């Protein structure tokens, strides 16, 4: 009788860089080329989704931005290749066409926990 021994493979957690930023990590700026989308959570909170799957939340330090929570649309302009805290967003109001509304400054960007992957159903 022959006994075949197979090496035991240890599975370790991915390093932090491969798994994304730890929740609560703070950044002052996000690279524009990496922003995949945005979601207005409420009148003071915007989530920025990046191409690597990470989500960064900015809470507007000036409090609620007029009509942002209702319209859920905004624009931003920057001369740099990144979007930074204190850059200004402009609420876009839909009044038979897009009109510019309130202007509000962004806060710092805080990494959010990644949602658990959805389980496949049979």
PDB file of N, CA and C in Angstrom:
ATOM      1  N   UNK A   1       0.850  -1.173   0.000  1.00  0.00           N
ATOM      2  CA  UNK A   1       0.000   0.000   0.000  1.00  0.00           C
ATOM      3  C   UNK A   1       0.893   1.232   0.000  1.00  0.00           C
ATOM      4  N   UNK A   2       0.572   2.134  -0.911  1.00  0.00           N
ATOM      5  CA  UNK A   2       1.321   3.382  -1.001  1.00  0.00           C
ATOM      6  C   UNK A   2       0.554   4.514  -0.335  1.00  0.00           C
ATOM      7  N   UNK A   3       1.273   5.340   0.375  1.00  0.00           N
ATOM      8  CA  UNK A   3       0.665   6.485   1.025  1.00  0.00           C
ATOM      9  C   UNK A   3       1.146   7.732   0.303  1.00  0.00           C
ATOM     10  N   UNK A   4       0.220   8.508  -0.178  1.00  0.00           N
ATOM     11  CA  UNK A   4       0.552   9.717  -0.908  1.00  0.00           C
ATOM     12  C   UNK A   4       0.343  10.906   0.015  1.00  0.00           C
ATOM     13  N   UNK A   5       1.407  11.647   0.235  1.00  0.00           N
ATOM     14  CA  UNK A   5       1.311  12.823   1.087  1.00  0.00           C
ATOM     15  C   UNK A   5       1.242  14.068   0.215  1.00  0.00           C
ATOM     16  N   UNK A   6       0.244  14.879   0.439  1.00  0.00           N
ATOM     17  CA  UNK A   6       0.091  16.136  -0.296  1.00  0.00           C
ATOM     18  C   UNK A   6       0.446  17.283   0.640  1.00  0.00           C
ATOM     19  N   UNK A   7       1.117  18.269   0.099  1.00  0.00           N
ATOM     20  CA  UNK A   7       1.441  19.408   0.958  1.00  0.00           C
ATOM     21  C   UNK A   7       0.171  20.122   1.391  1.00  0.00           C
ATOM     22  N   UNK A   8       0.174  20.592   2.601  1.00  0.00           N
ATOM     23  CA  UNK A   8      -0.958  21.322   3.151  1.00  0.00           C
ATOM     24  C   UNK A   8      -0.802  22.789   2.773  1.00  0.00           C
ATOM     25  N   UNK A   9      -1.806  23.341   2.132  1.00  0.00           N
ATOM     26  CA  UNK A   9      -1.779  24.749   1.750  1.00  0.00           C
ATOM     27  C   UNK A   9      -2.501  25.563   2.815  1.00  0.00           C
ATOM     28  N   UNK A  10      -1.821  26.558   3.289  1.00  0.00           N
ATOM     29  CA  UNK A  10      -2.445  27.441   4.264  1.00  0.00           C
ATOM     30  C   UNK A  10      -3.038  28.636   3.531  1.00  0.00           C
ATOM     31  N   UNK A  11      -4.262  28.924   3.848  1.00  0.00           N
ATOM     32  CA  UNK A  11      -4.922  30.064   3.239  1.00  0.00           C
ATOM     33  C   UNK A  11      -4.882  31.189   4.256  1.00  0.00           C
ATOM     34  N   UNK A  12      -4.332  32.293   3.832  1.00  0.00           N
ATOM     35  CA  UNK A  12      -4.241  33.438   4.734  1.00  0.00           C
ATOM     36  C   UNK A  12      -5.094  34.561   4.191  1.00  0.00           C
ATOM     37  N   UNK A  13      -5.392  35.502   5.052  1.00  0.00           N
ATOM     38  CA  UNK A  13      -6.176  36.663   4.639  1.00  0.00           C
ATOM     39  C   UNK A  13      -5.365  37.492   3.653  1.00  0.00           C
ATOM     40  N   UNK A  14      -6.076  38.154   2.763  1.00  0.00           N
ATOM     41  CA  UNK A  14      -5.409  39.031   1.809  1.00  0.00           C
ATOM     42  C   UNK A  14      -4.780  40.198   2.549  1.00  0.00           C
ATOM     43  N   UNK A  15      -3.645  40.677   2.072  1.00  0.00           N
ATOM     44  CA  UNK A  15      -3.084  41.861   2.699  1.00  0.00           C
ATOM     45  C   UNK A  15      -4.041  43.037   2.549  1.00  0.00           C
ATOM     46  N   UNK A  16      -3.938  44.002   3.440  1.00  0.00           N
ATOM     47  CA  UNK A  16      -4.869  45.137   3.434  1.00  0.00           C
ATOM     48  C   UNK A  16      -4.915  45.834   2.084  1.00  0.00           C
ATOM     49  N   UNK A  17      -3.787  45.936   1.393  1.00  0.00           N
ATOM     50  CA  UNK A  17      -3.779  46.637   0.109  1.00  0.00           C
ATOM     51  C   UNK A  17      -4.614  45.911  -0.934  1.00  0.00           C
ATOM     52  N   UNK A  18      -4.653  44.591  -0.890  1.00  0.00           N
ATOM     53  CA  UNK A  18      -5.432  43.838  -1.871  1.00  0.00           C
ATOM     54  C   UNK A  18      -6.909  43.802  -1.496  1.00  0.00           C
ATOM     55  N   UNK A  19      -7.195  43.879  -0.196  1.00  0.00           N
ATOM     56  CA  UNK A  19      -8.577  43.809   0.262  1.00  0.00           C
ATOM     57  C   UNK A  19      -9.245  45.174   0.263  1.00  0.00           C
ATOM     58  N   UNK A  20      -8.486  46.219  -0.003  1.00  0.00           N
ATOM     59  CA  UNK A  20      -9.035  47.564   0.009  1.00  0.00           C
ATOM     60  C   UNK A  20      -8.717  48.249   1.323  1.00  0.00           C
ATOM     61  N   UNK A  21      -9.066  49.507   1.412  1.00  0.00           N
ATOM     62  CA  UNK A  21      -8.763  50.257   2.627  1.00  0.00           C
ATOM     63  C   UNK A  21      -9.614  49.787   3.796  1.00  0.00           C
ATOM     64  N   UNK A  22      -9.047  49.884   4.981  1.00  0.00           N
ATOM     65  CA  UNK A  22      -9.796  49.520   6.185  1.00  0.00           C
ATOM     66  C   UNK A  22     -10.913  50.539   6.393  1.00  0.00           C
ATOM     67  N   UNK A  23     -12.100  50.082   6.787  1.00  0.00           N
ATOM     68  CA  UNK A  23     -13.185  51.027   7.072  1.00  0.00           C
ATOM     69  C   UNK A  23     -12.707  52.065   8.087  1.00  0.00           C
ATOM     70  N   UNK A  24     -13.054  53.317   7.838  1.00  0.00           N
ATOM     71  CA  UNK A  24     -12.643  54.393   8.718  1.00  0.00           C
ATOM     72  C   UNK A  24     -11.386  55.115   8.264  1.00  0.00           C
ATOM     73  N   UNK A  25     -10.672  54.540   7.264  1.00  0.00           N
ATOM     74  CA  UNK A  25      -9.499  55.209   6.714  1.00  0.00           C
ATOM     75  C   UNK A  25      -9.948  56.538   6.109  1.00  0.00           C
ATOM     76  N   UNK A  26      -9.161  57.579   6.332  1.00  0.00           N
ATOM     77  CA  UNK A  26      -9.537  58.920   5.868  1.00  0.00           C
ATOM     78  C   UNK A  26      -8.580  59.385   4.779  1.00  0.00           C
ATOM     79  N   UNK A  27      -9.155  59.998   3.736  1.00  0.00           N
ATOM     80  CA  UNK A  27      -8.372  60.607   2.658  1.00  0.00           C
ATOM     81  C   UNK A  27      -8.870  62.032   2.459  1.00  0.00           C
ATOM     82  N   UNK A  28      -7.958  62.898   2.048  1.00  0.00           N
ATOM     83  CA  UNK A  28      -8.342  64.271   1.732  1.00  0.00           C
ATOM     84  C   UNK A  28      -8.825  64.379   0.287  1.00  0.00           C
ATOM     85  N   UNK A  29      -8.347  63.500  -0.605  1.00  0.00           N
ATOM     86  CA  UNK A  29      -8.677  63.591  -2.034  1.00  0.00           C
ATOM     87  C   UNK A  29      -8.898  62.205  -2.637  1.00  0.00           C
ATOM     88  N   UNK A  30      -9.676  62.162  -3.712  1.00  0.00           N
ATOM     89  CA  UNK A  30      -9.874  60.954  -4.509  1.00  0.00           C
ATOM     90  C   UNK A  30      -9.455  61.262  -5.941  1.00  0.00           C
ATOM     91  N   UNK A  31      -8.745  60.336  -6.612  1.00  0.00           N
ATOM     92  CA  UNK A  31      -8.374  60.576  -8.013  1.00  0.00           C
ATOM     93  C   UNK A  31      -9.618  60.528  -8.909  1.00  0.00           C
ATOM     94  N   UNK A  32      -9.812  61.562  -9.716  1.00  0.00           N
ATOM     95  CA  UNK A  32     -10.994  61.637 -10.586  1.00  0.00           C
ATOM     96  C   UNK A  32     -11.117  60.437 -11.506  1.00  0.00           C
ATOM     97  N   UNK A  33      -9.993  59.967 -12.037  1.00  0.00           N
ATOM     98  CA  UNK A  33     -10.022  58.842 -12.981  1.00  0.00           C
ATOM     99  C   UNK A  33     -10.499  57.552 -12.329  1.00  0.00           C
ATOM    100  N   UNK A  34     -10.497  57.479 -10.998  1.00  0.00           N
ATOM    101  CA  UNK A  34     -10.913  56.270 -10.305  1.00  0.00           C
ATOM    102  C   UNK A  34     -12.369  56.293  -9.865  1.00  0.00           C
ATOM    103  N   UNK A  35     -13.013  57.460  -9.929  1.00  0.00           N
ATOM    104  CA  UNK A  35     -14.415  57.555  -9.486  1.00  0.00           C
ATOM    105  C   UNK A  35     -15.317  56.920 -10.538  1.00  0.00           C
ATOM    106  N   UNK A  36     -16.034  55.865 -10.117  1.00  0.00           N
ATOM    107  CA  UNK A  36     -16.932  55.128 -11.010  1.00  0.00           C
ATOM    108  C   UNK A  36     -18.365  55.651 -10.917  1.00  0.00           C
ATOM    109  N   UNK A  37     -18.751  56.113  -9.737  1.00  0.00           N
ATOM    110  CA  UNK A  37     -20.118  56.586  -9.567  1.00  0.00           C
ATOM    111  C   UNK A  37     -20.297  57.232  -8.208  1.00  0.00           C
ATOM    112  N   UNK A  38     -21.457  57.864  -8.028  1.00  0.00           N
ATOM    113  CA  UNK A  38     -21.780  58.508  -6.760  1.00  0.00           C
ATOM    114  C   UNK A  38     -23.202  58.148  -6.349  1.00  0.00           C
ATOM    115  N   UNK A  39     -23.447  58.263  -5.062  1.00  0.00           N
ATOM    116  CA  UNK A  39     -24.800  58.035  -4.543  1.00  0.00           C
ATOM    117  C   UNK A  39     -25.046  59.055  -3.439  1.00  0.00           C
ATOM    118  N   UNK A  40     -26.082  59.857  -3.599  1.00  0.00           N
ATOM    119  CA  UNK A  40     -26.460  60.801  -2.553  1.00  0.00           C
ATOM    120  C   UNK A  40     -27.250  60.010  -1.517  1.00  0.00           C
ATOM    121  N   UNK A  41     -26.708  59.933  -0.313  1.00  0.00           N
ATOM    122  CA  UNK A  41     -27.350  59.190   0.776  1.00  0.00           C
ATOM    123  C   UNK A  41     -28.434  60.050   1.416  1.00  0.00           C
ATOM    124  N   UNK A  42     -28.098  61.307   1.692  1.00  0.00           N
ATOM    125  CA  UNK A  42     -29.043  62.273   2.241  1.00  0.00           C
ATOM    126  C   UNK A  42     -28.507  63.665   1.920  1.00  0.00           C
ATOM    127  N   UNK A  43     -29.114  64.690   2.478  1.00  0.00           N
ATOM    128  CA  UNK A  43     -28.741  66.059   2.152  1.00  0.00           C
ATOM    129  C   UNK A  43     -27.362  66.486   2.611  1.00  0.00           C
ATOM    130  N   UNK A  44     -26.681  65.616   3.341  1.00  0.00           N
ATOM    131  CA  UNK A  44     -25.348  65.956   3.851  1.00  0.00           C
ATOM    132  C   UNK A  44     -24.309  64.884   3.532  1.00  0.00           C
ATOM    133  N   UNK A  45     -24.707  63.783   2.902  1.00  0.00           N
ATOM    134  CA  UNK A  45     -23.820  62.637   2.743  1.00  0.00           C
ATOM    135  C   UNK A  45     -23.817  62.124   1.309  1.00  0.00           C
ATOM    136  N   UNK A  46     -22.594  61.945   0.761  1.00  0.00           N
ATOM    137  CA  UNK A  46     -22.439  61.420  -0.597  1.00  0.00           C
ATOM    138  C   UNK A  46     -21.431  60.276  -0.552  1.00  0.00           C
ATOM    139  N   UNK A  47     -21.770  59.152  -1.185  1.00  0.00           N
ATOM    140  CA  UNK A  47     -20.846  58.026  -1.326  1.00  0.00           C
ATOM    141  C   UNK A  47     -20.238  58.060  -2.725  1.00  0.00           C
ATOM    142  N   UNK A  48     -18.920  57.891  -2.791  1.00  0.00           N
ATOM    143  CA  UNK A  48     -18.186  57.841  -4.052  1.00  0.00           C
ATOM    144  C   UNK A  48     -17.664  56.425  -4.235  1.00  0.00           C
ATOM    145  N   UNK A  49     -18.080  55.732  -5.300  1.00  0.00           N
ATOM    146  CA  UNK A  49     -17.615  54.382  -5.602  1.00  0.00           C
ATOM    147  C   UNK A  49     -16.434  54.483  -6.547  1.00  0.00           C
ATOM    148  N   UNK A  50     -15.362  53.776  -6.207  1.00  0.00           N
ATOM    149  CA  UNK A  50     -14.173  53.786  -7.049  1.00  0.00           C
ATOM    150  C   UNK A  50     -14.086  52.509  -7.869  1.00  0.00           C
ATOM    151  N   UNK A  51     -13.251  52.533  -8.878  1.00  0.00           N
ATOM    152  CA  UNK A  51     -13.088  51.392  -9.790  1.00  0.00           C
ATOM    153  C   UNK A  51     -12.578  50.142  -9.076  1.00  0.00           C
ATOM    154  N   UNK A  52     -11.871  50.299  -7.964  1.00  0.00           N
ATOM    155  CA  UNK A  52     -11.360  49.136  -7.232  1.00  0.00           C
ATOM    156  C   UNK A  52     -12.415  48.503  -6.326  1.00  0.00           C
ATOM    157  N   UNK A  53     -13.640  49.043  -6.341  1.00  0.00           N
ATOM    158  CA  UNK A  53     -14.724  48.501  -5.532  1.00  0.00           C
ATOM    159  C   UNK A  53     -14.876  49.173  -4.183  1.00  0.00           C
ATOM    160  N   UNK A  54     -13.953  50.044  -3.825  1.00  0.00           N
ATOM    161  CA  UNK A  54     -14.052  50.719  -2.531  1.00  0.00           C
ATOM    162  C   UNK A  54     -15.094  51.839  -2.607  1.00  0.00           C
ATOM    163  N   UNK A  55     -15.658  52.158  -1.446  1.00  0.00           N
ATOM    164  CA  UNK A  55     -16.641  53.229  -1.336  1.00  0.00           C
ATOM    165  C   UNK A  55     -16.135  54.210  -0.289  1.00  0.00           C
ATOM    166  N   UNK A  56     -16.110  55.485  -0.660  1.00  0.00           N
ATOM    167  CA  UNK A  56     -15.633  56.553   0.207  1.00  0.00           C
ATOM    168  C   UNK A  56     -16.783  57.528   0.454  1.00  0.00           C
ATOM    169  N   UNK A  57     -17.058  57.816   1.716  1.00  0.00           N
ATOM    170  CA  UNK A  57     -18.175  58.684   2.100  1.00  0.00           C
ATOM    171  C   UNK A  57     -17.663  60.071   2.469  1.00  0.00           C
ATOM    172  N   UNK A  58     -18.339  61.074   1.944  1.00  0.00           N
ATOM    173  CA  UNK A  58     -18.053  62.455   2.312  1.00  0.00           C
ATOM    174  C   UNK A  58     -19.292  63.041   2.970  1.00  0.00           C
ATOM    175  N   UNK A  59     -19.108  63.544   4.196  1.00  0.00           N
ATOM    176  CA  UNK A  59     -20.192  64.263   4.886  1.00  0.00           C
ATOM    177  C   UNK A  59     -19.867  65.745   4.781  1.00  0.00           C
ATOM    178  N   UNK A  60     -20.801  66.496   4.257  1.00  0.00           N
ATOM    179  CA  UNK A  60     -20.579  67.916   4.035  1.00  0.00           C
ATOM    180  C   UNK A  60     -20.447  68.626   5.385  1.00  0.00           C
ATOM    181  N   UNK A  61     -19.309  69.276   5.625  1.00  0.00           N
ATOM    182  CA  UNK A  61     -19.065  69.867   6.946  1.00  0.00           C
ATOM    183  C   UNK A  61     -19.975  71.045   7.275  1.00  0.00           C
ATOM    184  N   UNK A  62     -20.571  71.665   6.259  1.00  0.00           N
ATOM    185  CA  UNK A  62     -21.457  72.803   6.501  1.00  0.00           C
ATOM    186  C   UNK A  62     -22.876  72.401   6.835  1.00  0.00           C
ATOM    187  N   UNK A  63     -23.126  71.120   7.030  1.00  0.00           N
ATOM    188  CA  UNK A  63     -24.484  70.645   7.296  1.00  0.00           C
ATOM    189  C   UNK A  63     -25.182  70.292   5.996  1.00  0.00           C
ATOM    190  N   UNK A  64     -26.495  70.215   6.061  1.00  0.00           N
ATOM    191  CA  UNK A  64     -27.279  69.806   4.892  1.00  0.00           C
ATOM    192  C   UNK A  64     -27.178  70.834   3.771  1.00  0.00           C
ATOM    193  N   UNK A  65     -27.002  70.337   2.561  1.00  0.00           N
ATOM    194  CA  UNK A  65     -26.930  71.188   1.365  1.00  0.00           C
ATOM    195  C   UNK A  65     -28.345  71.262   0.782  1.00  0.00           C
ATOM    196  N   UNK A  66     -28.870  72.478   0.630  1.00  0.00           N
ATOM    197  CA  UNK A  66     -30.254  72.680   0.198  1.00  0.00           C
ATOM    198  C   UNK A  66     -30.580  71.889  -1.065  1.00  0.00           C
ATOM    199  N   UNK A  67     -31.642  71.095  -0.993  1.00  0.00           N
ATOM    200  CA  UNK A  67     -32.203  70.309  -2.091  1.00  0.00           C
ATOM    201  C   UNK A  67     -31.375  69.096  -2.522  1.00  0.00           C
ATOM    202  N   UNK A  68     -30.179  68.883  -1.945  1.00  0.00           N
ATOM    203  CA  UNK A  68     -29.363  67.735  -2.354  1.00  0.00           C
ATOM    204  C   UNK A  68     -30.071  66.416  -2.049  1.00  0.00           C
ATOM    205  N   UNK A  69     -30.641  66.292  -0.865  1.00  0.00           N
ATOM    206  CA  UNK A  69     -31.323  65.058  -0.478  1.00  0.00           C
ATOM    207  C   UNK A  69     -32.554  64.776  -1.323  1.00  0.00           C
ATOM    208  N   UNK A  70     -33.203  65.815  -1.815  1.00  0.00           N
ATOM    209  CA  UNK A  70     -34.388  65.655  -2.651  1.00  0.00           C
ATOM    210  C   UNK A  70     -34.013  65.382  -4.104  1.00  0.00           C
ATOM    211  N   UNK A  71     -33.142  66.203  -4.664  1.00  0.00           N
ATOM    212  CA  UNK A  71     -32.774  66.080  -6.075  1.00  0.00           C
ATOM    213  C   UNK A  71     -31.847  64.894  -6.337  1.00  0.00           C
ATOM    214  N   UNK A  72     -30.980  64.596  -5.390  1.00  0.00           N
ATOM    215  CA  UNK A  72     -30.025  63.483  -5.503  1.00  0.00           C
ATOM    216  C   UNK A  72     -29.119  63.604  -6.726  1.00  0.00           C
ATOM    217  N   UNK A  73     -28.860  64.828  -7.156  1.00  0.00           N
ATOM    218  CA  UNK A  73     -28.000  65.062  -8.319  1.00  0.00           C
ATOM    219  C   UNK A  73     -27.129  66.278  -8.054  1.00  0.00           C
ATOM    220  N   UNK A  74     -25.884  66.195  -8.490  1.00  0.00           N
ATOM    221  CA  UNK A  74     -24.968  67.309  -8.296  1.00  0.00           C
ATOM    222  C   UNK A  74     -23.871  67.245  -9.353  1.00  0.00           C
ATOM    223  N   UNK A  75     -23.154  68.336  -9.480  1.00  0.00           N
ATOM    224  CA  UNK A  75     -21.997  68.379 -10.365  1.00  0.00           C
ATOM    225  C   UNK A  75     -20.832  68.943  -9.564  1.00  0.00           C
ATOM    226  N   UNK A  76     -19.648  68.764 -10.100  1.00  0.00           N
ATOM    227  CA  UNK A  76     -18.466  69.353  -9.484  1.00  0.00           C
ATOM    228  C   UNK A  76     -17.489  69.725 -10.582  1.00  0.00           C
ATOM    229  N   UNK A  77     -16.675  70.701 -10.295  1.00  0.00           N
ATOM    230  CA  UNK A  77     -15.635  71.128 -11.224  1.00  0.00           C
ATOM    231  C   UNK A  77     -14.334  71.239 -10.444  1.00  0.00           C
ATOM    232  N   UNK A  78     -13.259  70.803 -11.050  1.00  0.00           N
ATOM    233  CA  UNK A  78     -11.947  70.953 -10.448  1.00  0.00           C
ATOM    234  C   UNK A  78     -10.918  71.056 -11.564  1.00  0.00           C
ATOM    235  N   UNK A  79      -9.907  71.841 -11.319  1.00  0.00           N
ATOM    236  CA  UNK A  79      -8.834  71.992 -12.307  1.00  0.00           C
ATOM    237  C   UNK A  79      -7.757  70.942 -12.088  1.00  0.00           C
ATOM    238  N   UNK A  80      -7.889  70.182 -11.024  1.00  0.00           N
ATOM    239  CA  UNK A  80      -6.894  69.160 -10.704  1.00  0.00           C
ATOM    240  C   UNK A  80      -7.378  67.794 -11.164  1.00  0.00           C
ATOM    241  N   UNK A  81      -6.526  66.800 -11.019  1.00  0.00           N
ATOM    242  CA  UNK A  81      -6.894  65.437 -11.403  1.00  0.00           C
ATOM    243  C   UNK A  81      -7.497  64.671 -10.232  1.00  0.00           C
ATOM    244  N   UNK A  82      -7.865  65.388  -9.190  1.00  0.00           N
ATOM    245  CA  UNK A  82      -8.490  64.751  -8.038  1.00  0.00           C
ATOM    246  C   UNK A  82      -9.580  65.638  -7.459  1.00  0.00           C
ATOM    247  N   UNK A  83     -10.488  64.994  -6.736  1.00  0.00           N
ATOM    248  CA  UNK A  83     -11.560  65.689  -6.048  1.00  0.00           C
ATOM    249  C   UNK A  83     -11.187  65.696  -4.575  1.00  0.00           C
ATOM    250  N   UNK A  84     -11.169  66.863  -3.966  1.00  0.00           N
ATOM    251  CA  UNK A  84     -10.666  66.982  -2.598  1.00  0.00           C
ATOM    252  C   UNK A  84     -11.700  67.588  -1.662  1.00  0.00           C
ATOM    253  N   UNK A  85     -11.475  67.349  -0.351  1.00  0.00           N
ATOM    254  CA  UNK A  85     -12.326  68.001   0.636  1.00  0.00           C
ATOM    255  C   UNK A  85     -12.216  69.496   0.405  1.00  0.00           C
ATOM    256  N   UNK A  86     -13.254  70.187   0.640  1.00  0.00           N
ATOM    257  CA  UNK A  86     -13.393  71.628   0.422  1.00  0.00           C
ATOM    258  C   UNK A  86     -13.635  71.990  -1.037  1.00  0.00           C
ATOM    259  N   UNK A  87     -13.528  71.014  -1.985  1.00  0.00           N
ATOM    260  CA  UNK A  87     -13.990  71.306  -3.344  1.00  0.00           C
ATOM    261  C   UNK A  87     -15.501  71.507  -3.250  1.00  0.00           C
ATOM    262  N   UNK A  88     -16.056  72.245  -4.185  1.00  0.00           N
ATOM    263  CA  UNK A  88     -17.465  72.626  -4.122  1.00  0.00           C
ATOM    264  C   UNK A  88     -18.294  71.797  -5.101  1.00  0.00           C
ATOM    265  N   UNK A  89     -19.439  71.310  -4.614  1.00  0.00           N
ATOM    266  CA  UNK A  89     -20.422  70.656  -5.481  1.00  0.00           C
ATOM    267  C   UNK A  89     -21.564  71.632  -5.715  1.00  0.00           C
ATOM    268  N   UNK A  90     -22.271  71.450  -6.820  1.00  0.00           N
ATOM    269  CA  UNK A  90     -23.449  72.267  -7.128  1.00  0.00           C
ATOM    270  C   UNK A  90     -24.630  71.327  -7.302  1.00  0.00           C
ATOM    271  N   UNK A  91     -25.682  71.536  -6.530  1.00  0.00           N
ATOM    272  CA  UNK A  91     -26.890  70.722  -6.655  1.00  0.00           C
ATOM    273  C   UNK A  91     -27.536  71.024  -7.998  1.00  0.00           C
ATOM    274  N   UNK A  92     -27.961  69.968  -8.694  1.00  0.00           N
ATOM    275  CA  UNK A  92     -28.666  70.118  -9.969  1.00  0.00           C
ATOM    276  C   UNK A  92     -30.153  69.903  -9.725  1.00  0.00           C
ATOM    277  N   UNK A  93     -30.948  70.917 -10.052  1.00  0.00           N
ATOM    278  CA  UNK A  93     -32.389  70.849  -9.843  1.00  0.00           C
ATOM    279  C   UNK A  93     -33.075  70.606 -11.170  1.00  0.00           C
ATOM    280  N   UNK A  94     -34.015  69.657 -11.179  1.00  0.00           N
ATOM    281  CA  UNK A  94     -34.760  69.329 -12.389  1.00  0.00           C
ATOM    282  C   UNK A  94     -36.056  70.130 -12.396  1.00  0.00           C
ATOM    283  N   UNK A  95     -36.063  71.201 -13.162  1.00  0.00           N
ATOM    284  CA  UNK A  95     -37.247  72.067 -13.246  1.00  0.00           C
ATOM    285  C   UNK A  95     -37.605  72.241 -14.717  1.00  0.00           C
ATOM    286  N   UNK A  96     -37.933  71.143 -15.381  1.00  0.00           N
ATOM    287  CA  UNK A  96     -38.189  71.184 -16.813  1.00  0.00           C
ATOM    288  C   UNK A  96     -36.888  71.314 -17.592  1.00  0.00           C
ATOM    289  N   UNK A  97     -35.816  71.096 -16.930  1.00  0.00           N
ATOM    290  CA  UNK A  97     -34.450  71.216 -17.435  1.00  0.00           C
ATOM    291  C   UNK A  97     -33.557  71.358 -16.207  1.00  0.00           C
ATOM    292  N   UNK A  98     -32.305  71.073 -16.357  1.00  0.00           N
ATOM    293  CA  UNK A  98     -31.416  71.144 -15.202  1.00  0.00           C
ATOM    294  C   UNK A  98     -31.022  72.589 -14.911  1.00  0.00           C
ATOM    295  N   UNK A  99     -31.187  72.966 -13.665  1.00  0.00           N
ATOM    296  CA  UNK A  99     -30.790  74.298 -13.211  1.00  0.00           C
ATOM    297  C   UNK A  99     -29.825  74.132 -12.047  1.00  0.00           C
ATOM    298  N   UNK A 100     -28.905  75.046 -11.931  1.00  0.00           N
ATOM    299  CA  UNK A 100     -27.958  75.012 -10.823  1.00  0.00           C
ATOM    300  C   UNK A 100     -28.653  75.475  -9.550  1.00  0.00           C
ATOM    301  N   UNK A 101     -28.345  74.761  -8.471  1.00  0.00           N
ATOM    302  CA  UNK A 101     -28.915  75.094  -7.173  1.00  0.00           C
ATOM    303  C   UNK A 101     -27.824  75.470  -6.190  1.00  0.00           C
ATOM    304  N   UNK A 102     -27.988  75.028  -4.967  1.00  0.00           N
ATOM    305  CA  UNK A 102     -27.062  75.357  -3.884  1.00  0.00           C
ATOM    306  C   UNK A 102     -25.658  74.843  -4.173  1.00  0.00           C
ATOM    307  N   UNK A 103     -24.673  75.541  -3.625  1.00  0.00           N
ATOM    308  CA  UNK A 103     -23.265  75.129  -3.731  1.00  0.00           C
ATOM    309  C   UNK A 103     -22.783  74.832  -2.323  1.00  0.00           C
ATOM    310  N   UNK A 104     -22.124  73.684  -2.172  1.00  0.00           N
ATOM    311  CA  UNK A 104     -21.675  73.253  -0.846  1.00  0.00           C
ATOM    312  C   UNK A 104     -20.307  72.597  -0.939  1.00  0.00           C
ATOM    313  N   UNK A 105     -19.503  72.759   0.106  1.00  0.00           N
ATOM    314  CA  UNK A 105     -18.168  72.166   0.151  1.00  0.00           C
ATOM    315  C   UNK A 105     -18.197  70.724   0.614  1.00  0.00           C
ATOM    316  N   UNK A 106     -17.324  69.912   0.048  1.00  0.00           N
ATOM    317  CA  UNK A 106     -17.193  68.507   0.447  1.00  0.00           C
ATOM    318  C   UNK A 106     -16.394  68.393   1.738  1.00  0.00           C
ATOM    319  N   UNK A 107     -16.608  67.316   2.449  1.00  0.00           N
ATOM    320  CA  UNK A 107     -15.805  66.991   3.621  1.00  0.00           C
ATOM    321  C   UNK A 107     -14.765  65.953   3.248  1.00  0.00           C
ATOM    322  N   UNK A 108     -14.009  65.495   4.231  1.00  0.00           N
ATOM    323  CA  UNK A 108     -13.015  64.450   3.972  1.00  0.00           C
ATOM    324  C   UNK A 108     -13.721  63.172   3.539  1.00  0.00           C
ATOM    325  N   UNK A 109     -12.958  62.271   2.946  1.00  0.00           N
ATOM    326  CA  UNK A 109     -13.498  61.011   2.429  1.00  0.00           C
ATOM    327  C   UNK A 109     -13.129  59.894   3.400  1.00  0.00           C
ATOM    328  N   UNK A 110     -14.127  59.134   3.839  1.00  0.00           N
ATOM    329  CA  UNK A 110     -13.928  58.066   4.816  1.00  0.00           C
ATOM    330  C   UNK A 110     -14.311  56.733   4.171  1.00  0.00           C
ATOM    331  N   UNK A 111     -13.381  55.774   4.215  1.00  0.00           N
ATOM    332  CA  UNK A 111     -13.629  54.456   3.621  1.00  0.00           C
ATOM    333  C   UNK A 111     -14.765  53.752   4.361  1.00  0.00           C
ATOM    334  N   UNK A 112     -15.652  53.137   3.587  1.00  0.00           N
ATOM    335  CA  UNK A 112     -16.783  52.391   4.136  1.00  0.00           C
ATOM    336  C   UNK A 112     -16.500  50.896   4.034  1.00  0.00           C
ATOM    337  N   UNK A 113     -17.148  50.123   4.889  1.00  0.00           N
ATOM    338  CA  UNK A 113     -17.002  48.665   4.820  1.00  0.00           C
ATOM    339  C   UNK A 113     -17.579  48.178   3.499  1.00  0.00           C
ATOM    340  N   UNK A 114     -16.891  47.221   2.895  1.00  0.00           N
ATOM    341  CA  UNK A 114     -17.412  46.650   1.648  1.00  0.00           C
ATOM    342  C   UNK A 114     -18.558  45.721   1.968  1.00  0.00           C
ATOM    343  N   UNK A 115     -19.619  45.776   1.157  1.00  0.00           N
ATOM    344  CA  UNK A 115     -20.733  44.863   1.396  1.00  0.00           C
ATOM    345  C   UNK A 115     -20.299  43.423   1.130  1.00  0.00           C
ATOM    346  N   UNK A 116     -20.901  42.522   1.870  1.00  0.00           N
ATOM    347  CA  UNK A 116     -20.603  41.107   1.665  1.00  0.00           C
ATOM    348  C   UNK A 116     -21.096  40.701   0.280  1.00  0.00           C
ATOM    349  N   UNK A 117     -20.330  39.819  -0.407  1.00  0.00           N
ATOM    350  CA  UNK A 117     -20.779  39.377  -1.727  1.00  0.00           C
ATOM    351  C   UNK A 117     -22.114  38.641  -1.631  1.00  0.00           C
ATOM    352  N   UNK A 118     -22.952  38.848  -2.621  1.00  0.00           N
ATOM    353  CA  UNK A 118     -24.251  38.172  -2.634  1.00  0.00           C
ATOM    354  C   UNK A 118     -24.049  36.677  -2.848  1.00  0.00           C
ATOM    355  N   UNK A 119     -24.817  35.879  -2.124  1.00  0.00           N
ATOM    356  CA  UNK A 119     -24.724  34.418  -2.283  1.00  0.00           C
ATOM    357  C   UNK A 119     -25.569  34.000  -3.471  1.00  0.00           C
ATOM    358  N   UNK A 120     -25.042  33.089  -4.229  1.00  0.00           N
ATOM    359  CA  UNK A 120     -25.764  32.564  -5.387  1.00  0.00           C
ATOM    360  C   UNK A 120     -26.919  31.696  -4.893  1.00  0.00           C
ATOM    361  N   UNK A 121     -28.063  31.803  -5.551  1.00  0.00           N
ATOM    362  CA  UNK A 121     -29.203  30.953  -5.206  1.00  0.00           C
ATOM    363  C   UNK A 121     -29.408  29.944  -6.310  1.00  0.00           C
ATOM    364  N   UNK A 122     -29.949  28.838  -5.958  1.00  0.00           N
ATOM    365  CA  UNK A 122     -30.171  27.773  -6.935  1.00  0.00           C
ATOM    366  C   UNK A 122     -31.567  27.781  -7.426  1.00  0.00           C
TER     367      UNK A 122
END
